[in-house]
Amino acid sequence: KELLHQVEENHVGGFILGTQRGPLGIERSQVYPTAALTNELQKHAKT
């Protein structure tokens, strides 16, 4: 919902893909979820 807020209300120009800290240390993004989430956000973006 926060990502949609940035896309639909703040009309952000894009996102930076990154890592995050997890219980086992630094966790990297995964390629299929990255692609799927990117498509989902693109569909909601006016630009």
All heavy atoms as atom14 arrays in JSON, in Angstrom:
{
  "sequence": "KELLHQVEENHVGGFILGTQRGPLGIERSQVYPTAALTNELQKHAKT",
  "atom14_mask": [
    [1, 1, 1, 1, 1, 1, 1, 1, 1, 0, 0, 0, 0, 0],
    [1, 1, 1, 1, 1, 1, 1, 1, 1, 0, 0, 0, 0, 0],
    [1, 1, 1, 1, 1, 1, 1, 1, 0, 0, 0, 0, 0, 0],
    [1, 1, 1, 1, 1, 1, 1, 1, 0, 0, 0, 0, 0, 0],
    [1, 1, 1, 1, 1, 1, 1, 1, 1, 1, 0, 0, 0, 0],
    [1, 1, 1, 1, 1, 1, 1, 1, 1, 0, 0, 0, 0, 0],
    [1, 1, 1, 1, 1, 1, 1, 0, 0, 0, 0, 0, 0, 0],
    [1, 1, 1, 1, 1, 1, 1, 1, 1, 0, 0, 0, 0, 0],
    [1, 1, 1, 1, 1, 1, 1, 1, 1, 0, 0, 0, 0, 0],
    [1, 1, 1, 1, 1, 1, 1, 1, 0, 0, 0, 0, 0, 0],
    [1, 1, 1, 1, 1, 1, 1, 1, 1, 1, 0, 0, 0, 0],
    [1, 1, 1, 1, 1, 1, 1, 0, 0, 0, 0, 0, 0, 0],
    [1, 1, 1, 1, 0, 0, 0, 0, 0, 0, 0, 0, 0, 0],
    [1, 1, 1, 1, 0, 0, 0, 0, 0, 0, 0, 0, 0, 0],
    [1, 1, 1, 1, 1, 1, 1, 1, 1, 1, 1, 0, 0, 0],
    [1, 1, 1, 1, 1, 1, 1, 1, 0, 0, 0, 0, 0, 0],
    [1, 1, 1, 1, 1, 1, 1, 1, 0, 0, 0, 0, 0, 0],
    [1, 1, 1, 1, 0, 0, 0, 0, 0, 0, 0, 0, 0, 0],
    [1, 1, 1, 1, 1, 1, 1, 0, 0, 0, 0, 0, 0, 0],
    [1, 1, 1, 1, 1, 1, 1, 1, 1, 0, 0, 0, 0, 0],
    [1, 1, 1, 1, 1, 1, 1, 1, 1, 1, 1, 0, 0, 0],
    [1, 1, 1, 1, 0, 0, 0, 0, 0, 0, 0, 0, 0, 0],
    [1, 1, 1, 1, 1, 1, 1, 0, 0, 0, 0, 0, 0, 0],
    [1, 1, 1, 1, 1, 1, 1, 1, 0, 0, 0, 0, 0, 0],
    [1, 1, 1, 1, 0, 0, 0, 0, 0, 0, 0, 0, 0, 0],
    [1, 1, 1, 1, 1, 1, 1, 1, 0, 0, 0, 0, 0, 0],
    [1, 1, 1, 1, 1, 1, 1, 1, 1, 0, 0, 0, 0, 0],
    [1, 1, 1, 1, 1, 1, 1, 1, 1, 1, 1, 0, 0, 0],
    [1, 1, 1, 1, 1, 1, 0, 0, 0, 0, 0, 0, 0, 0],
    [1, 1, 1, 1, 1, 1, 1, 1, 1, 0, 0, 0, 0, 0],
    [1, 1, 1, 1, 1, 1, 1, 0, 0, 0, 0, 0, 0, 0],
    [1, 1, 1, 1, 1, 1, 1, 1, 1, 1, 1, 1, 0, 0],
    [1, 1, 1, 1, 1, 1, 1, 0, 0, 0, 0, 0, 0, 0],
    [1, 1, 1, 1, 1, 1, 1, 0, 0, 0, 0, 0, 0, 0],
    [1, 1, 1, 1, 1, 0, 0, 0, 0, 0, 0, 0, 0, 0],
    [1, 1, 1, 1, 1, 0, 0, 0, 0, 0, 0, 0, 0, 0],
    [1, 1, 1, 1, 1, 1, 1, 1, 0, 0, 0, 0, 0, 0],
    [1, 1, 1, 1, 1, 1, 1, 0, 0, 0, 0, 0, 0, 0],
    [1, 1, 1, 1, 1, 1, 1, 1, 0, 0, 0, 0, 0, 0],
    [1, 1, 1, 1, 1, 1, 1, 1, 1, 0, 0, 0, 0, 0],
    [1, 1, 1, 1, 1, 1, 1, 1, 0, 0, 0, 0, 0, 0],
    [1, 1, 1, 1, 1, 1, 1, 1, 1, 0, 0, 0, 0, 0],
    [1, 1, 1, 1, 1, 1, 1, 1, 1, 0, 0, 0, 0, 0],
    [1, 1, 1, 1, 1, 1, 1, 1, 1, 1, 0, 0, 0, 0],
    [1, 1, 1, 1, 1, 0, 0, 0, 0, 0, 0, 0, 0, 0],
    [1, 1, 1, 1, 1, 1, 1, 1, 1, 0, 0, 0, 0, 0],
    [1, 1, 1, 1, 1, 1, 1, 0, 0, 0, 0, 0, 0, 0]
  ],
  "atom14_positions": [
    [[0.83, -1.21, 0.0], [0.0, 0.0, 0.0], [0.86, 1.26, 0.0], [0.5, 2.28, -0.61], [-0.94, -0.01, 1.2], [-2.02, -1.09, 1.1], [-2.89, -1.16, 2.35], [-3.95, -2.26, 2.2], [-4.79, -2.39, 3.43], [0.0, 0.0, 0.0], [0.0, 0.0, 0.0], [0.0, 0.0, 0.0], [0.0, 0.0, 0.0], [0.0, 0.0, 0.0]],
    [[2.02, 1.19, 0.66], [2.93, 2.34, 0.65], [3.51, 2.56, -0.75], [3.63, 3.7, -1.21], [4.06, 2.12, 1.66], [5.17, 3.16, 1.63], [4.7, 4.58, 1.9], [3.61, 4.75, 2.51], [5.41, 5.53, 1.5], [0.0, 0.0, 0.0], [0.0, 0.0, 0.0], [0.0, 0.0, 0.0], [0.0, 0.0, 0.0], [0.0, 0.0, 0.0]],
    [[3.85, 1.47, -1.43], [4.35, 1.59, -2.8], [3.29, 2.2, -3.71], [3.58, 3.08, -4.53], [4.77, 0.22, -3.34], [6.01, -0.42, -2.69], [6.22, -1.83, -3.24], [7.24, 0.44, -2.93], [0.0, 0.0, 0.0], [0.0, 0.0, 0.0], [0.0, 0.0, 0.0], [0.0, 0.0, 0.0], [0.0, 0.0, 0.0], [0.0, 0.0, 0.0]],
    [[2.03, 1.75, -3.57], [0.94, 2.32, -4.37], [0.73, 3.79, -4.05], [0.44, 4.6, -4.94], [-0.36, 1.55, -4.13], [-0.57, 0.25, -4.89], [-2.01, -0.22, -4.74], [-0.22, 0.39, -6.36], [0.0, 0.0, 0.0], [0.0, 0.0, 0.0], [0.0, 0.0, 0.0], [0.0, 0.0, 0.0], [0.0, 0.0, 0.0], [0.0, 0.0, 0.0]],
    [[0.88, 4.15, -2.79], [0.77, 5.56, -2.4], [1.8, 6.4, -3.14], [1.49, 7.49, -3.65], [0.95, 5.7, -0.89], [1.21, 7.1, -0.43], [0.27, 8.11, -0.5], [2.34, 7.67, 0.11], [0.79, 9.24, -0.03], [2.05, 8.99, 0.33], [0.0, 0.0, 0.0], [0.0, 0.0, 0.0], [0.0, 0.0, 0.0], [0.0, 0.0, 0.0]],
    [[3.02, 5.91, -3.2], [4.08, 6.65, -3.88], [3.8, 6.76, -5.39], [4.08, 7.79, -6.0], [5.44, 5.98, -3.64], [5.89, 5.98, -2.19], [5.97, 7.37, -1.59], [6.25, 8.35, -2.29], [5.72, 7.48, -0.29], [0.0, 0.0, 0.0], [0.0, 0.0, 0.0], [0.0, 0.0, 0.0], [0.0, 0.0, 0.0], [0.0, 0.0, 0.0]],
    [[3.23, 5.72, -5.96], [2.95, 5.72, -7.41], [1.71, 6.55, -7.75], [1.73, 7.38, -8.67], [2.76, 4.27, -7.92], [2.22, 4.27, -9.35], [4.09, 3.53, -7.85], [0.0, 0.0, 0.0], [0.0, 0.0, 0.0], [0.0, 0.0, 0.0], [0.0, 0.0, 0.0], [0.0, 0.0, 0.0], [0.0, 0.0, 0.0], [0.0, 0.0, 0.0]],
    [[0.61, 6.34, -7.02], [-0.66, 6.95, -7.39], [-0.87, 8.35, -6.83], [-1.57, 9.17, -7.44], [-1.81, 6.04, -6.94], [-1.79, 4.68, -7.64], [-2.94, 3.78, -7.2], [-3.46, 3.97, -6.08], [-3.31, 2.87, -7.97], [0.0, 0.0, 0.0], [0.0, 0.0, 0.0], [0.0, 0.0, 0.0], [0.0, 0.0, 0.0], [0.0, 0.0, 0.0]],
    [[-0.29, 8.63, -5.67], [-0.5, 9.94, -5.05], [0.7, 10.87, -5.16], [0.54, 12.06, -5.38], [-0.89, 9.75, -3.58], [-2.21, 8.99, -3.41], [-2.57, 8.78, -1.95], [-2.47, 9.74, -1.17], [-2.94, 7.64, -1.59], [0.0, 0.0, 0.0], [0.0, 0.0, 0.0], [0.0, 0.0, 0.0], [0.0, 0.0, 0.0], [0.0, 0.0, 0.0]],
    [[1.9, 10.31, -5.04], [3.1, 11.14, -5.21], [3.63, 11.13, -6.63], [4.49, 11.93, -6.99], [4.2, 10.69, -4.24], [3.96, 11.19, -2.83], [3.16, 12.08, -2.59], [4.67, 10.6, -1.87], [0.0, 0.0, 0.0], [0.0, 0.0, 0.0], [0.0, 0.0, 0.0], [0.0, 0.0, 0.0], [0.0, 0.0, 0.0], [0.0, 0.0, 0.0]],
    [[3.12, 10.19, -7.45], [3.49, 10.12, -8.87], [5.0, 10.03, -9.06], [5.57, 10.69, -9.95], [2.93, 11.34, -9.63], [1.47, 11.52, -9.48], [0.54, 10.76, -10.16], [0.75, 12.38, -8.69], [-0.69, 11.14, -9.82], [-0.59, 12.11, -8.93], [0.0, 0.0, 0.0], [0.0, 0.0, 0.0], [0.0, 0.0, 0.0], [0.0, 0.0, 0.0]],
    [[5.66, 9.2, -8.23], [7.11, 9.11, -8.31], [7.56, 8.66, -9.69], [6.85, 7.93, -10.39], [7.67, 8.16, -7.23], [7.4, 8.71, -5.84], [7.12, 6.74, -7.39], [0.0, 0.0, 0.0], [0.0, 0.0, 0.0], [0.0, 0.0, 0.0], [0.0, 0.0, 0.0], [0.0, 0.0, 0.0], [0.0, 0.0, 0.0], [0.0, 0.0, 0.0]],
    [[8.76, 9.09, -10.05], [9.29, 8.76, -11.38], [9.84, 7.37, -11.49], [10.01, 6.85, -12.59], [0.0, 0.0, 0.0], [0.0, 0.0, 0.0], [0.0, 0.0, 0.0], [0.0, 0.0, 0.0], [0.0, 0.0, 0.0], [0.0, 0.0, 0.0], [0.0, 0.0, 0.0], [0.0, 0.0, 0.0], [0.0, 0.0, 0.0], [0.0, 0.0, 0.0]],
    [[10.12, 6.73, -10.34], [10.67, 5.38, -10.38], [11.05, 4.92, -8.99], [10.73, 5.57, -7.99], [0.0, 0.0, 0.0], [0.0, 0.0, 0.0], [0.0, 0.0, 0.0], [0.0, 0.0, 0.0], [0.0, 0.0, 0.0], [0.0, 0.0, 0.0], [0.0, 0.0, 0.0], [0.0, 0.0, 0.0], [0.0, 0.0, 0.0], [0.0, 0.0, 0.0]],
    [[11.74, 3.8, -8.92], [12.19, 3.23, -7.66], [13.61, 2.71, -7.81], [14.05, 2.37, -8.91], [11.3, 2.05, -7.24], [9.91, 2.43, -6.83], [8.87, 2.46, -7.76], [9.63, 2.77, -5.51], [7.58, 2.81, -7.38], [8.34, 3.12, -5.12], [7.32, 3.15, -6.06], [0.0, 0.0, 0.0], [0.0, 0.0, 0.0], [0.0, 0.0, 0.0]],
    [[14.32, 2.65, -6.68], [15.62, 1.99, -6.65], [15.45, 0.64, -5.98], [14.95, 0.54, -4.85], [16.7, 2.83, -5.93], [17.99, 2.01, -5.78], [16.21, 3.38, -4.59], [19.17, 2.8, -5.22], [0.0, 0.0, 0.0], [0.0, 0.0, 0.0], [0.0, 0.0, 0.0], [0.0, 0.0, 0.0], [0.0, 0.0, 0.0], [0.0, 0.0, 0.0]],
    [[15.83, -0.41, -6.68], [15.75, -1.77, -6.15], [16.92, -2.01, -5.21], [18.06, -1.65, -5.5], [15.8, -2.77, -7.31], [15.82, -4.25, -6.93], [14.46, -4.69, -6.41], [16.23, -5.1, -8.13], [0.0, 0.0, 0.0], [0.0, 0.0, 0.0], [0.0, 0.0, 0.0], [0.0, 0.0, 0.0], [0.0, 0.0, 0.0], [0.0, 0.0, 0.0]],
    [[16.65, -2.63, -4.06], [17.73, -2.81, -3.11], [17.65, -4.1, -2.32], [16.91, -5.03, -2.65], [0.0, 0.0, 0.0], [0.0, 0.0, 0.0], [0.0, 0.0, 0.0], [0.0, 0.0, 0.0], [0.0, 0.0, 0.0], [0.0, 0.0, 0.0], [0.0, 0.0, 0.0], [0.0, 0.0, 0.0], [0.0, 0.0, 0.0], [0.0, 0.0, 0.0]],
    [[18.45, -4.13, -1.28], [18.49, -5.25, -0.35], [17.85, -4.82, 0.97], [17.49, -3.65, 1.13], [19.94, -5.68, -0.09], [20.69, -4.55, 0.4], [20.6, -6.19, -1.36], [0.0, 0.0, 0.0], [0.0, 0.0, 0.0], [0.0, 0.0, 0.0], [0.0, 0.0, 0.0], [0.0, 0.0, 0.0], [0.0, 0.0, 0.0], [0.0, 0.0, 0.0]],
    [[17.74, -5.73, 1.9], [17.24, -5.37, 3.23], [17.88, -6.29, 4.26], [18.4, -7.36, 3.94], [15.72, -5.48, 3.31], [15.17, -6.89, 3.26], [13.65, -6.91, 3.45], [12.98, -5.9, 3.37], [13.1, -8.1, 3.7], [0.0, 0.0, 0.0], [0.0, 0.0, 0.0], [0.0, 0.0, 0.0], [0.0, 0.0, 0.0], [0.0, 0.0, 0.0]],
    [[17.87, -5.84, 5.5], [18.43, -6.64, 6.58], [17.38, -7.62, 7.09], [16.25, -7.26, 7.37], [18.89, -5.74, 7.73], [20.07, -4.87, 7.36], [20.65, -4.15, 8.57], [21.75, -3.29, 8.2], [22.99, -3.71, 8.02], [23.29, -4.98, 8.19], [23.95, -2.87, 7.68], [0.0, 0.0, 0.0], [0.0, 0.0, 0.0], [0.0, 0.0, 0.0]],
    [[17.78, -8.89, 7.2], [16.89, -9.92, 7.72], [17.52, -10.62, 8.91], [18.63, -10.26, 9.34], [0.0, 0.0, 0.0], [0.0, 0.0, 0.0], [0.0, 0.0, 0.0], [0.0, 0.0, 0.0], [0.0, 0.0, 0.0], [0.0, 0.0, 0.0], [0.0, 0.0, 0.0], [0.0, 0.0, 0.0], [0.0, 0.0, 0.0], [0.0, 0.0, 0.0]],
    [[16.89, -11.62, 9.44], [17.41, -12.33, 10.63], [18.75, -13.01, 10.36], [19.52, -13.26, 11.29], [16.31, -13.35, 10.94], [15.53, -13.48, 9.68], [15.58, -12.15, 9.02], [0.0, 0.0, 0.0], [0.0, 0.0, 0.0], [0.0, 0.0, 0.0], [0.0, 0.0, 0.0], [0.0, 0.0, 0.0], [0.0, 0.0, 0.0], [0.0, 0.0, 0.0]],
    [[19.05, -13.3, 9.09], [20.31, -13.97, 8.75], [21.31, -13.02, 8.11], [22.32, -13.44, 7.55], [20.03, -15.15, 7.81], [19.13, -16.24, 8.37], [18.9, -17.34, 7.34], [19.72, -16.84, 9.64], [0.0, 0.0, 0.0], [0.0, 0.0, 0.0], [0.0, 0.0, 0.0], [0.0, 0.0, 0.0], [0.0, 0.0, 0.0], [0.0, 0.0, 0.0]],
    [[21.01, -11.73, 8.18], [21.91, -10.75, 7.58], [21.28, -10.06, 6.39], [20.06, -9.9, 6.32], [0.0, 0.0, 0.0], [0.0, 0.0, 0.0], [0.0, 0.0, 0.0], [0.0, 0.0, 0.0], [0.0, 0.0, 0.0], [0.0, 0.0, 0.0], [0.0, 0.0, 0.0], [0.0, 0.0, 0.0], [0.0, 0.0, 0.0], [0.0, 0.0, 0.0]],
    [[22.11, -9.64, 5.42], [21.61, -8.93, 4.24], [20.87, -9.89, 3.32], [21.4, -10.94, 2.94], [22.77, -8.26, 3.47], [23.48, -7.22, 4.36], [22.25, -7.6, 2.2], [22.58, -6.09, 4.78], [0.0, 0.0, 0.0], [0.0, 0.0, 0.0], [0.0, 0.0, 0.0], [0.0, 0.0, 0.0], [0.0, 0.0, 0.0], [0.0, 0.0, 0.0]],
    [[19.66, -9.51, 2.96], [18.85, -10.31, 2.03], [18.72, -9.56, 0.71], [18.46, -8.36, 0.69], [17.46, -10.56, 2.61], [17.46, -11.35, 3.89], [16.06, -11.51, 4.48], [15.12, -10.84, 3.96], [15.9, -12.27, 5.44], [0.0, 0.0, 0.0], [0.0, 0.0, 0.0], [0.0, 0.0, 0.0], [0.0, 0.0, 0.0], [0.0, 0.0, 0.0]],
    [[18.93, -10.27, -0.4], [18.81, -9.66, -1.71], [17.42, -9.88, -2.3], [16.7, -10.79, -1.88], [19.88, -10.23, -2.65], [21.29, -9.81, -2.27], [22.33, -10.46, -3.15], [22.41, -11.9, -2.9], [23.29, -12.71, -3.5], [24.13, -12.22, -4.39], [23.3, -14.0, -3.23], [0.0, 0.0, 0.0], [0.0, 0.0, 0.0], [0.0, 0.0, 0.0]],
    [[17.07, -9.03, -3.26], [15.8, -9.2, -3.96], [15.85, -10.47, -4.79], [16.92, -11.04, -5.03], [15.54, -7.99, -4.86], [15.35, -6.81, -4.11], [0.0, 0.0, 0.0], [0.0, 0.0, 0.0], [0.0, 0.0, 0.0], [0.0, 0.0, 0.0], [0.0, 0.0, 0.0], [0.0, 0.0, 0.0], [0.0, 0.0, 0.0], [0.0, 0.0, 0.0]],
    [[14.69, -10.91, -5.25], [14.6, -12.11, -6.08], [14.03, -11.73, -7.44], [13.17, -10.87, -7.55], [13.72, -13.16, -5.39], [14.29, -13.62, -4.06], [13.33, -14.48, -3.27], [12.13, -14.48, -3.54], [13.84, -15.18, -2.28], [0.0, 0.0, 0.0], [0.0, 0.0, 0.0], [0.0, 0.0, 0.0], [0.0, 0.0, 0.0], [0.0, 0.0, 0.0]],
    [[14.53, -12.37, -8.48], [14.27, -11.88, -9.83], [12.79, -11.96, -10.24], [12.25, -10.99, -10.81], [15.17, -12.6, -10.86], [14.83, -14.07, -10.99], [15.09, -11.89, -12.2], [0.0, 0.0, 0.0], [0.0, 0.0, 0.0], [0.0, 0.0, 0.0], [0.0, 0.0, 0.0], [0.0, 0.0, 0.0], [0.0, 0.0, 0.0], [0.0, 0.0, 0.0]],
    [[12.11, -13.08, -9.99], [10.71, -13.16, -10.43], [9.8, -12.22, -9.64], [8.97, -11.51, -10.24], [10.21, -14.61, -10.36], [10.5, -15.4, -11.62], [11.58, -16.27, -11.67], [9.73, -15.23, -12.76], [11.87, -16.98, -12.83], [10.01, -15.93, -13.93], [11.09, -16.81, -13.96], [11.38, -17.5, -15.12], [0.0, 0.0, 0.0], [0.0, 0.0, 0.0]],
    [[9.91, -12.17, -8.31], [9.11, -11.17, -7.58], [9.45, -9.74, -8.0], [8.55, -8.9, -8.06], [9.49, -11.43, -6.12], [9.87, -12.87, -6.08], [10.58, -13.1, -7.38], [0.0, 0.0, 0.0], [0.0, 0.0, 0.0], [0.0, 0.0, 0.0], [0.0, 0.0, 0.0], [0.0, 0.0, 0.0], [0.0, 0.0, 0.0], [0.0, 0.0, 0.0]],
    [[10.72, -9.47, -8.31], [11.1, -8.13, -8.76], [10.39, -7.78, -10.05], [9.81, -6.69, -10.2], [12.63, -8.05, -8.97], [13.29, -8.17, -7.71], [13.01, -6.72, -9.61], [0.0, 0.0, 0.0], [0.0, 0.0, 0.0], [0.0, 0.0, 0.0], [0.0, 0.0, 0.0], [0.0, 0.0, 0.0], [0.0, 0.0, 0.0], [0.0, 0.0, 0.0]],
    [[10.42, -8.7, -10.99], [9.77, -8.46, -12.28], [8.26, -8.31, -12.13], [7.64, -7.42, -12.72], [10.1, -9.6, -13.25], [0.0, 0.0, 0.0], [0.0, 0.0, 0.0], [0.0, 0.0, 0.0], [0.0, 0.0, 0.0], [0.0, 0.0, 0.0], [0.0, 0.0, 0.0], [0.0, 0.0, 0.0], [0.0, 0.0, 0.0], [0.0, 0.0, 0.0]],
    [[7.66, -9.2, -11.32], [6.21, -9.15, -11.13], [5.78, -7.88, -10.41], [4.79, -7.24, -10.81], [5.75, -10.38, -10.34], [0.0, 0.0, 0.0], [0.0, 0.0, 0.0], [0.0, 0.0, 0.0], [0.0, 0.0, 0.0], [0.0, 0.0, 0.0], [0.0, 0.0, 0.0], [0.0, 0.0, 0.0], [0.0, 0.0, 0.0], [0.0, 0.0, 0.0]],
    [[6.5, -7.5, -9.37], [6.15, -6.28, -8.63], [6.36, -5.04, -9.5], [5.55, -4.1, -9.46], [7.0, -6.18, -7.37], [6.74, -4.97, -6.44], [5.28, -4.93, -6.0], [7.66, -5.03, -5.23], [0.0, 0.0, 0.0], [0.0, 0.0, 0.0], [0.0, 0.0, 0.0], [0.0, 0.0, 0.0], [0.0, 0.0, 0.0], [0.0, 0.0, 0.0]],
    [[7.41, -5.05, -10.3], [7.66, -3.93, -11.21], [6.51, -3.78, -12.2], [6.02, -2.67, -12.44], [8.98, -4.14, -11.97], [10.06, -4.17, -11.04], [9.22, -3.02, -12.98], [0.0, 0.0, 0.0], [0.0, 0.0, 0.0], [0.0, 0.0, 0.0], [0.0, 0.0, 0.0], [0.0, 0.0, 0.0], [0.0, 0.0, 0.0], [0.0, 0.0, 0.0]],
    [[6.06, -4.88, -12.77], [4.92, -4.82, -13.7], [3.67, -4.3, -13.01], [2.91, -3.49, -13.57], [4.63, -6.21, -14.27], [5.51, -6.54, -15.47], [6.29, -5.71, -15.93], [5.38, -7.75, -15.98], [0.0, 0.0, 0.0], [0.0, 0.0, 0.0], [0.0, 0.0, 0.0], [0.0, 0.0, 0.0], [0.0, 0.0, 0.0], [0.0, 0.0, 0.0]],
    [[3.44, -4.76, -11.78], [2.25, -4.32, -11.05], [2.28, -2.81, -10.81], [1.28, -2.11, -11.01], [2.19, -5.06, -9.71], [0.93, -4.79, -8.9], [-0.32, -5.36, -9.54], [-0.21, -6.28, -10.38], [-1.43, -4.89, -9.19], [0.0, 0.0, 0.0], [0.0, 0.0, 0.0], [0.0, 0.0, 0.0], [0.0, 0.0, 0.0], [0.0, 0.0, 0.0]],
    [[3.44, -2.3, -10.42], [3.56, -0.86, -10.17], [3.47, -0.07, -11.48], [2.88, 1.02, -11.52], [4.89, -0.57, -9.46], [5.01, -1.17, -8.05], [6.41, -0.92, -7.5], [3.96, -0.59, -7.11], [0.0, 0.0, 0.0], [0.0, 0.0, 0.0], [0.0, 0.0, 0.0], [0.0, 0.0, 0.0], [0.0, 0.0, 0.0], [0.0, 0.0, 0.0]],
    [[4.04, -0.61, -12.54], [3.96, 0.06, -13.84], [2.52, 0.22, -14.3], [2.14, 1.24, -14.88], [4.75, -0.72, -14.9], [6.26, -0.7, -14.76], [6.9, 0.6, -15.25], [6.25, 1.65, -15.35], [8.18, 0.53, -15.55], [0.0, 0.0, 0.0], [0.0, 0.0, 0.0], [0.0, 0.0, 0.0], [0.0, 0.0, 0.0], [0.0, 0.0, 0.0]],
    [[1.69, -0.77, -14.02], [0.29, -0.72, -14.43], [-0.48, 0.38, -13.68], [-1.47, 0.9, -14.19], [-0.38, -2.08, -14.2], [0.14, -3.18, -15.13], [-0.44, -4.54, -14.74], [0.13, -5.64, -15.61], [-0.37, -6.99, -15.21], [0.0, 0.0, 0.0], [0.0, 0.0, 0.0], [0.0, 0.0, 0.0], [0.0, 0.0, 0.0], [0.0, 0.0, 0.0]],
    [[-0.02, 0.71, -12.49], [-0.69, 1.75, -11.7], [-0.13, 3.14, -11.97], [-0.72, 4.13, -11.52], [-0.56, 1.43, -10.21], [-1.44, 0.31, -9.75], [-2.74, 0.51, -9.3], [-1.23, -1.03, -9.67], [-3.27, -0.64, -8.96], [-2.38, -1.6, -9.17], [0.0, 0.0, 0.0], [0.0, 0.0, 0.0], [0.0, 0.0, 0.0], [0.0, 0.0, 0.0]],
    [[0.99, 3.22, -12.66], [1.66, 4.51, -12.88], [1.1, 5.25, -14.09], [0.95, 4.67, -15.17], [3.15, 4.29, -13.05], [0.0, 0.0, 0.0], [0.0, 0.0, 0.0], [0.0, 0.0, 0.0], [0.0, 0.0, 0.0], [0.0, 0.0, 0.0], [0.0, 0.0, 0.0], [0.0, 0.0, 0.0], [0.0, 0.0, 0.0], [0.0, 0.0, 0.0]],
    [[0.78, 6.52, -13.9], [0.29, 7.34, -15.0], [1.39, 7.54, -16.04], [1.14, 7.53, -17.25], [-0.19, 8.69, -14.46], [-0.8, 9.6, -15.51], [-1.35, 10.87, -14.87], [-1.98, 11.79, -15.91], [-2.52, 13.02, -15.29], [0.0, 0.0, 0.0], [0.0, 0.0, 0.0], [0.0, 0.0, 0.0], [0.0, 0.0, 0.0], [0.0, 0.0, 0.0]],
    [[2.62, 7.76, -15.57], [3.79, 7.91, -16.42], [4.7, 6.72, -16.17], [4.85, 6.31, -15.01], [4.54, 9.22, -16.1], [3.63, 10.32, -16.22], [5.71, 9.43, -17.03], [0.0, 0.0, 0.0], [0.0, 0.0, 0.0], [0.0, 0.0, 0.0], [0.0, 0.0, 0.0], [0.0, 0.0, 0.0], [0.0, 0.0, 0.0], [0.0, 0.0, 0.0]]
  ]
}
